[in-house]
PDB file of N, CA and C in Angstrom:
ATOM      1  N   MET A   1       8.691 -25.163  23.150  1.00  0.00           N
ATOM      2  CA  MET A   1       7.293 -25.552  23.278  1.00  0.00           C
ATOM      3  C   MET A   1       6.463 -24.337  23.679  1.00  0.00           C
ATOM      4  N   LYS A   2       5.250 -24.377  23.231  1.00  0.00           N
ATOM      5  CA  LYS A   2       4.261 -23.356  23.587  1.00  0.00           C
ATOM      6  C   LYS A   2       3.046 -24.067  24.186  1.00  0.00           C
ATOM      7  N   TRP A   3       2.089 -23.304  24.679  1.00  0.00           N
ATOM      8  CA  TRP A   3       0.894 -23.885  25.288  1.00  0.00           C
ATOM      9  C   TRP A   3       0.120 -24.764  24.305  1.00  0.00           C
ATOM     10  N   SER A   4       0.216 -24.474  23.031  1.00  0.00           N
ATOM     11  CA  SER A   4      -0.508 -25.270  22.034  1.00  0.00           C
ATOM     12  C   SER A   4       0.121 -26.645  21.813  1.00  0.00           C
ATOM     13  N   ASP A   5       1.303 -26.885  22.345  1.00  0.00           N
ATOM     14  CA  ASP A   5       2.002 -28.164  22.196  1.00  0.00           C
ATOM     15  C   ASP A   5       1.627 -29.128  23.326  1.00  0.00           C
ATOM     16  N   THR A   6       0.343 -29.355  23.478  1.00  0.00           N
ATOM     17  CA  THR A   6      -0.196 -30.123  24.597  1.00  0.00           C
ATOM     18  C   THR A   6       0.464 -31.492  24.744  1.00  0.00           C
ATOM     19  N   PHE A   7       0.554 -32.234  23.654  1.00  0.00           N
ATOM     20  CA  PHE A   7       1.090 -33.591  23.738  1.00  0.00           C
ATOM     21  C   PHE A   7       2.586 -33.595  24.019  1.00  0.00           C
ATOM     22  N   ASP A   8       3.323 -32.652  23.458  1.00  0.00           N
ATOM     23  CA  ASP A   8       4.755 -32.545  23.742  1.00  0.00           C
ATOM     24  C   ASP A   8       4.986 -32.204  25.215  1.00  0.00           C
ATOM     25  N   ILE A   9       4.158 -31.343  25.754  1.00  0.00           N
ATOM     26  CA  ILE A   9       4.248 -30.994  27.175  1.00  0.00           C
ATOM     27  C   ILE A   9       3.970 -32.227  28.022  1.00  0.00           C
ATOM     28  N   ALA A  10       2.929 -32.978  27.667  1.00  0.00           N
ATOM     29  CA  ALA A  10       2.573 -34.183  28.425  1.00  0.00           C
ATOM     30  C   ALA A  10       3.706 -35.201  28.416  1.00  0.00           C
ATOM     31  N   ILE A  11       4.343 -35.375  27.272  1.00  0.00           N
ATOM     32  CA  ILE A  11       5.467 -36.317  27.178  1.00  0.00           C
ATOM     33  C   ILE A  11       6.624 -35.848  28.056  1.00  0.00           C
ATOM     34  N   ALA A  12       6.933 -34.573  27.998  1.00  0.00           N
ATOM     35  CA  ALA A  12       8.025 -34.030  28.810  1.00  0.00           C
ATOM     36  C   ALA A  12       7.726 -34.172  30.301  1.00  0.00           C
ATOM     37  N   LEU A  13       6.482 -33.939  30.688  1.00  0.00           N
ATOM     38  CA  LEU A  13       6.106 -34.082  32.093  1.00  0.00           C
ATOM     39  C   LEU A  13       6.182 -35.536  32.539  1.00  0.00           C
ATOM     40  N   THR A  14       5.793 -36.463  31.672  1.00  0.00           N
ATOM     41  CA  THR A  14       5.887 -37.892  31.983  1.00  0.00           C
ATOM     42  C   THR A  14       7.337 -38.284  32.235  1.00  0.00           C
ATOM     43  N   GLU A  15       8.229 -37.766  31.412  1.00  0.00           N
ATOM     44  CA  GLU A  15       9.652 -38.072  31.570  1.00  0.00           C
ATOM     45  C   GLU A  15      10.246 -37.420  32.814  1.00  0.00           C
ATOM     46  N   GLN A  16       9.809 -36.212  33.109  1.00  0.00           N
ATOM     47  CA  GLN A  16      10.373 -35.462  34.223  1.00  0.00           C
ATOM     48  C   GLN A  16       9.787 -35.880  35.579  1.00  0.00           C
ATOM     49  N   HIS A  17       8.541 -36.346  35.568  1.00  0.00           N
ATOM     50  CA  HIS A  17       7.854 -36.702  36.817  1.00  0.00           C
ATOM     51  C   HIS A  17       7.222 -38.092  36.678  1.00  0.00           C
ATOM     52  N   PRO A  18       8.056 -39.133  36.552  1.00  0.00           N
ATOM     53  CA  PRO A  18       7.526 -40.479  36.278  1.00  0.00           C
ATOM     54  C   PRO A  18       6.684 -41.075  37.414  1.00  0.00           C
ATOM     55  N   ASP A  19       6.864 -40.594  38.633  1.00  0.00           N
ATOM     56  CA  ASP A  19       6.141 -41.165  39.773  1.00  0.00           C
ATOM     57  C   ASP A  19       4.860 -40.411  40.111  1.00  0.00           C
ATOM     58  N   ILE A  20       4.522 -39.402  39.327  1.00  0.00           N
ATOM     59  CA  ILE A  20       3.327 -38.595  39.596  1.00  0.00           C
ATOM     60  C   ILE A  20       2.131 -39.167  38.850  1.00  0.00           C
ATOM     61  N   ASP A  21       1.008 -39.275  39.555  1.00  0.00           N
ATOM     62  CA  ASP A  21      -0.249 -39.659  38.918  1.00  0.00           C
ATOM     63  C   ASP A  21      -0.961 -38.362  38.529  1.00  0.00           C
ATOM     64  N   PRO A  22      -1.048 -38.081  37.238  1.00  0.00           N
ATOM     65  CA  PRO A  22      -1.601 -36.788  36.804  1.00  0.00           C
ATOM     66  C   PRO A  22      -3.082 -36.597  37.122  1.00  0.00           C
ATOM     67  N   ARG A  23      -3.759 -37.648  37.529  1.00  0.00           N
ATOM     68  CA  ARG A  23      -5.176 -37.504  37.890  1.00  0.00           C
ATOM     69  C   ARG A  23      -5.362 -36.704  39.169  1.00  0.00           C
ATOM     70  N   TYR A  24      -4.315 -36.611  39.969  1.00  0.00           N
ATOM     71  CA  TYR A  24      -4.440 -35.988  41.288  1.00  0.00           C
ATOM     72  C   TYR A  24      -3.592 -34.725  41.430  1.00  0.00           C
ATOM     73  N   LEU A  25      -3.412 -34.014  40.340  1.00  0.00           N
ATOM     74  CA  LEU A  25      -2.599 -32.798  40.333  1.00  0.00           C
ATOM     75  C   LEU A  25      -3.398 -31.558  40.694  1.00  0.00           C
ATOM     76  N   ARG A  26      -2.721 -30.651  41.357  1.00  0.00           N
ATOM     77  CA  ARG A  26      -3.276 -29.298  41.496  1.00  0.00           C
ATOM     78  C   ARG A  26      -2.774 -28.504  40.295  1.00  0.00           C
ATOM     79  N   PHE A  27      -3.618 -27.691  39.737  1.00  0.00           N
ATOM     80  CA  PHE A  27      -3.232 -26.913  38.564  1.00  0.00           C
ATOM     81  C   PHE A  27      -2.098 -25.943  38.870  1.00  0.00           C
ATOM     82  N   THR A  28      -1.995 -25.486  40.102  1.00  0.00           N
ATOM     83  CA  THR A  28      -0.887 -24.595  40.448  1.00  0.00           C
ATOM     84  C   THR A  28       0.446 -25.332  40.320  1.00  0.00           C
ATOM     85  N   ASP A  29       0.483 -26.597  40.746  1.00  0.00           N
ATOM     86  CA  ASP A  29       1.704 -27.403  40.592  1.00  0.00           C
ATOM     87  C   ASP A  29       1.987 -27.664  39.118  1.00  0.00           C
ATOM     88  N   LEU A  30       0.949 -28.043  38.380  1.00  0.00           N
ATOM     89  CA  LEU A  30       1.097 -28.333  36.957  1.00  0.00           C
ATOM     90  C   LEU A  30       1.658 -27.119  36.213  1.00  0.00           C
ATOM     91  N   LEU A  31       1.102 -25.968  36.472  1.00  0.00           N
ATOM     92  CA  LEU A  31       1.574 -24.736  35.829  1.00  0.00           C
ATOM     93  C   LEU A  31       3.058 -24.506  36.118  1.00  0.00           C
ATOM     94  N   GLY A  32       3.447 -24.645  37.367  1.00  0.00           N
ATOM     95  CA  GLY A  32       4.841 -24.440  37.734  1.00  0.00           C
ATOM     96  C   GLY A  32       5.776 -25.423  37.047  1.00  0.00           C
ATOM     97  N   TRP A  33       5.380 -26.680  36.978  1.00  0.00           N
ATOM     98  CA  TRP A  33       6.207 -27.696  36.331  1.00  0.00           C
ATOM     99  C   TRP A  33       6.357 -27.417  34.835  1.00  0.00           C
ATOM    100  N   ILE A  34       5.269 -27.008  34.207  1.00  0.00           N
ATOM    101  CA  ILE A  34       5.329 -26.713  32.772  1.00  0.00           C
ATOM    102  C   ILE A  34       6.266 -25.537  32.507  1.00  0.00           C
ATOM    103  N   LEU A  35       6.142 -24.506  33.299  1.00  0.00           N
ATOM    104  CA  LEU A  35       6.975 -23.323  33.101  1.00  0.00           C
ATOM    105  C   LEU A  35       8.462 -23.632  33.288  1.00  0.00           C
ATOM    106  N   LYS A  36       8.787 -24.672  34.052  1.00  0.00           N
ATOM    107  CA  LYS A  36      10.182 -25.049  34.298  1.00  0.00           C
ATOM    108  C   LYS A  36      10.718 -26.057  33.287  1.00  0.00           C
ATOM    109  N   LEU A  37       9.871 -26.554  32.390  1.00  0.00           N
ATOM    110  CA  LEU A  37      10.332 -27.537  31.415  1.00  0.00           C
ATOM    111  C   LEU A  37      11.386 -26.930  30.494  1.00  0.00           C
ATOM    112  N   GLU A  38      12.418 -27.706  30.234  1.00  0.00           N
ATOM    113  CA  GLU A  38      13.437 -27.272  29.286  1.00  0.00           C
ATOM    114  C   GLU A  38      12.805 -27.161  27.901  1.00  0.00           C
ATOM    115  N   GLY A  39      13.011 -26.057  27.249  1.00  0.00           N
ATOM    116  CA  GLY A  39      12.459 -25.851  25.920  1.00  0.00           C
ATOM    117  C   GLY A  39      11.077 -25.215  25.909  1.00  0.00           C
ATOM    118  N   PHE A  40      10.502 -24.975  27.095  1.00  0.00           N
ATOM    119  CA  PHE A  40       9.201 -24.306  27.133  1.00  0.00           C
ATOM    120  C   PHE A  40       9.431 -22.808  27.064  1.00  0.00           C
ATOM    121  N   GLU A  41       8.809 -22.162  26.079  1.00  0.00           N
ATOM    122  CA  GLU A  41       9.091 -20.751  25.806  1.00  0.00           C
ATOM    123  C   GLU A  41       7.830 -19.904  25.691  1.00  0.00           C
ATOM    124  N   ASP A  42       6.882 -20.125  26.569  1.00  0.00           N
ATOM    125  CA  ASP A  42       5.658 -19.328  26.526  1.00  0.00           C
ATOM    126  C   ASP A  42       5.454 -18.689  27.889  1.00  0.00           C
ATOM    127  N   SER A  43       4.517 -17.805  27.975  1.00  0.00           N
ATOM    128  CA  SER A  43       4.269 -17.049  29.198  1.00  0.00           C
ATOM    129  C   SER A  43       3.103 -17.634  29.983  1.00  0.00           C
ATOM    130  N   ALA A  44       3.190 -17.549  31.285  1.00  0.00           N
ATOM    131  CA  ALA A  44       2.086 -17.979  32.143  1.00  0.00           C
ATOM    132  C   ALA A  44       0.827 -17.164  31.855  1.00  0.00           C
ATOM    133  N   ASP A  45       1.013 -15.951  31.371  1.00  0.00           N
ATOM    134  CA  ASP A  45      -0.125 -15.082  31.054  1.00  0.00           C
ATOM    135  C   ASP A  45      -0.972 -15.636  29.906  1.00  0.00           C
ATOM    136  N   ASN A  46      -0.380 -16.500  29.090  1.00  0.00           N
ATOM    137  CA  ASN A  46      -1.102 -17.077  27.954  1.00  0.00           C
ATOM    138  C   ASN A  46      -1.830 -18.375  28.314  1.00  0.00           C
ATOM    139  N   CYS A  47      -1.767 -18.755  29.573  1.00  0.00           N
ATOM    140  CA  CYS A  47      -2.368 -20.008  30.024  1.00  0.00           C
ATOM    141  C   CYS A  47      -3.699 -19.741  30.718  1.00  0.00           C
ATOM    142  N   ASN A  48      -4.574 -20.758  30.665  1.00  0.00           N
ATOM    143  CA  ASN A  48      -5.831 -20.698  31.399  1.00  0.00           C
ATOM    144  C   ASN A  48      -6.200 -22.117  31.845  1.00  0.00           C
ATOM    145  N   GLU A  49      -7.297 -22.240  32.553  1.00  0.00           N
ATOM    146  CA  GLU A  49      -7.701 -23.535  33.093  1.00  0.00           C
ATOM    147  C   GLU A  49      -7.969 -24.563  31.990  1.00  0.00           C
ATOM    148  N   LYS A  50      -8.527 -24.123  30.901  1.00  0.00           N
ATOM    149  CA  LYS A  50      -8.815 -25.033  29.788  1.00  0.00           C
ATOM    150  C   LYS A  50      -7.526 -25.656  29.237  1.00  0.00           C
ATOM    151  N   ILE A  51      -6.486 -24.866  29.113  1.00  0.00           N
ATOM    152  CA  ILE A  51      -5.201 -25.374  28.624  1.00  0.00           C
ATOM    153  C   ILE A  51      -4.617 -26.372  29.615  1.00  0.00           C
ATOM    154  N   LEU A  52      -4.661 -26.038  30.905  1.00  0.00           N
ATOM    155  CA  LEU A  52      -4.130 -26.961  31.916  1.00  0.00           C
ATOM    156  C   LEU A  52      -4.917 -28.271  31.941  1.00  0.00           C
ATOM    157  N   GLU A  53      -6.220 -28.192  31.756  1.00  0.00           N
ATOM    158  CA  GLU A  53      -7.036 -29.412  31.677  1.00  0.00           C
ATOM    159  C   GLU A  53      -6.624 -30.262  30.480  1.00  0.00           C
ATOM    160  N   ALA A  54      -6.365 -29.624  29.357  1.00  0.00           N
ATOM    161  CA  ALA A  54      -5.949 -30.356  28.155  1.00  0.00           C
ATOM    162  C   ALA A  54      -4.604 -31.037  28.368  1.00  0.00           C
ATOM    163  N   VAL A  55      -3.671 -30.347  29.016  1.00  0.00           N
ATOM    164  CA  VAL A  55      -2.365 -30.939  29.312  1.00  0.00           C
ATOM    165  C   VAL A  55      -2.542 -32.113  30.274  1.00  0.00           C
ATOM    166  N   GLN A  56      -3.368 -31.924  31.299  1.00  0.00           N
ATOM    167  CA  GLN A  56      -3.610 -32.998  32.262  1.00  0.00           C
ATOM    168  C   GLN A  56      -4.198 -34.228  31.569  1.00  0.00           C
ATOM    169  N   MET A  57      -5.163 -34.038  30.697  1.00  0.00           N
ATOM    170  CA  MET A  57      -5.782 -35.162  29.994  1.00  0.00           C
ATOM    171  C   MET A  57      -4.776 -35.851  29.065  1.00  0.00           C
ATOM    172  N   ALA A  58      -3.942 -35.080  28.393  1.00  0.00           N
ATOM    173  CA  ALA A  58      -2.914 -35.672  27.541  1.00  0.00           C
ATOM    174  C   ALA A  58      -1.912 -36.455  28.367  1.00  0.00           C
ATOM    175  N   TRP A  59      -1.588 -35.966  29.525  1.00  0.00           N
ATOM    176  CA  TRP A  59      -0.651 -36.659  30.419  1.00  0.00           C
ATOM    177  C   TRP A  59      -1.277 -37.968  30.914  1.00  0.00           C
ATOM    178  N   ILE A  60      -2.541 -37.926  31.276  1.00  0.00           N
ATOM    179  CA  ILE A  60      -3.250 -39.139  31.691  1.00  0.00           C
ATOM    180  C   ILE A  60      -3.245 -40.157  30.574  1.00  0.00           C
ATOM    181  N   ASP A  61      -3.525 -39.716  29.358  1.00  0.00           N
ATOM    182  CA  ASP A  61      -3.489 -40.624  28.193  1.00  0.00           C
ATOM    183  C   ASP A  61      -2.089 -41.202  28.002  1.00  0.00           C
ATOM    184  N   GLU A  62      -1.080 -40.399  28.225  1.00  0.00           N
ATOM    185  CA  GLU A  62       0.300 -40.822  28.021  1.00  0.00           C
ATOM    186  C   GLU A  62       0.711 -41.935  28.980  1.00  0.00           C
ATOM    187  N   VAL A  63       0.242 -41.854  30.215  1.00  0.00           N
ATOM    188  CA  VAL A  63       0.669 -42.840  31.224  1.00  0.00           C
ATOM    189  C   VAL A  63      -0.271 -44.044  31.331  1.00  0.00           C
ATOM    190  N   SER A  64      -1.389 -44.008  30.648  1.00  0.00           N
ATOM    191  CA  SER A  64      -2.301 -45.156  30.751  1.00  0.00           C
ATOM    192  C   SER A  64      -2.184 -46.089  29.556  1.00  0.00           C
TER     193      SER A  64
END
């Protein structure tokens, strides 16, 4: 996965952190969790706040 795989990241995060409400995440935590996902192969240097917001919104959509 890369940063452009927003929905795949959201699905993986939902599976890995089923008890987390993504509406109340700190982006620092979100970034760390994404970087630790199995199959994630991109650099933190390629990420920005806009990407993290997109992942957060996709995760919210996934769990609602």
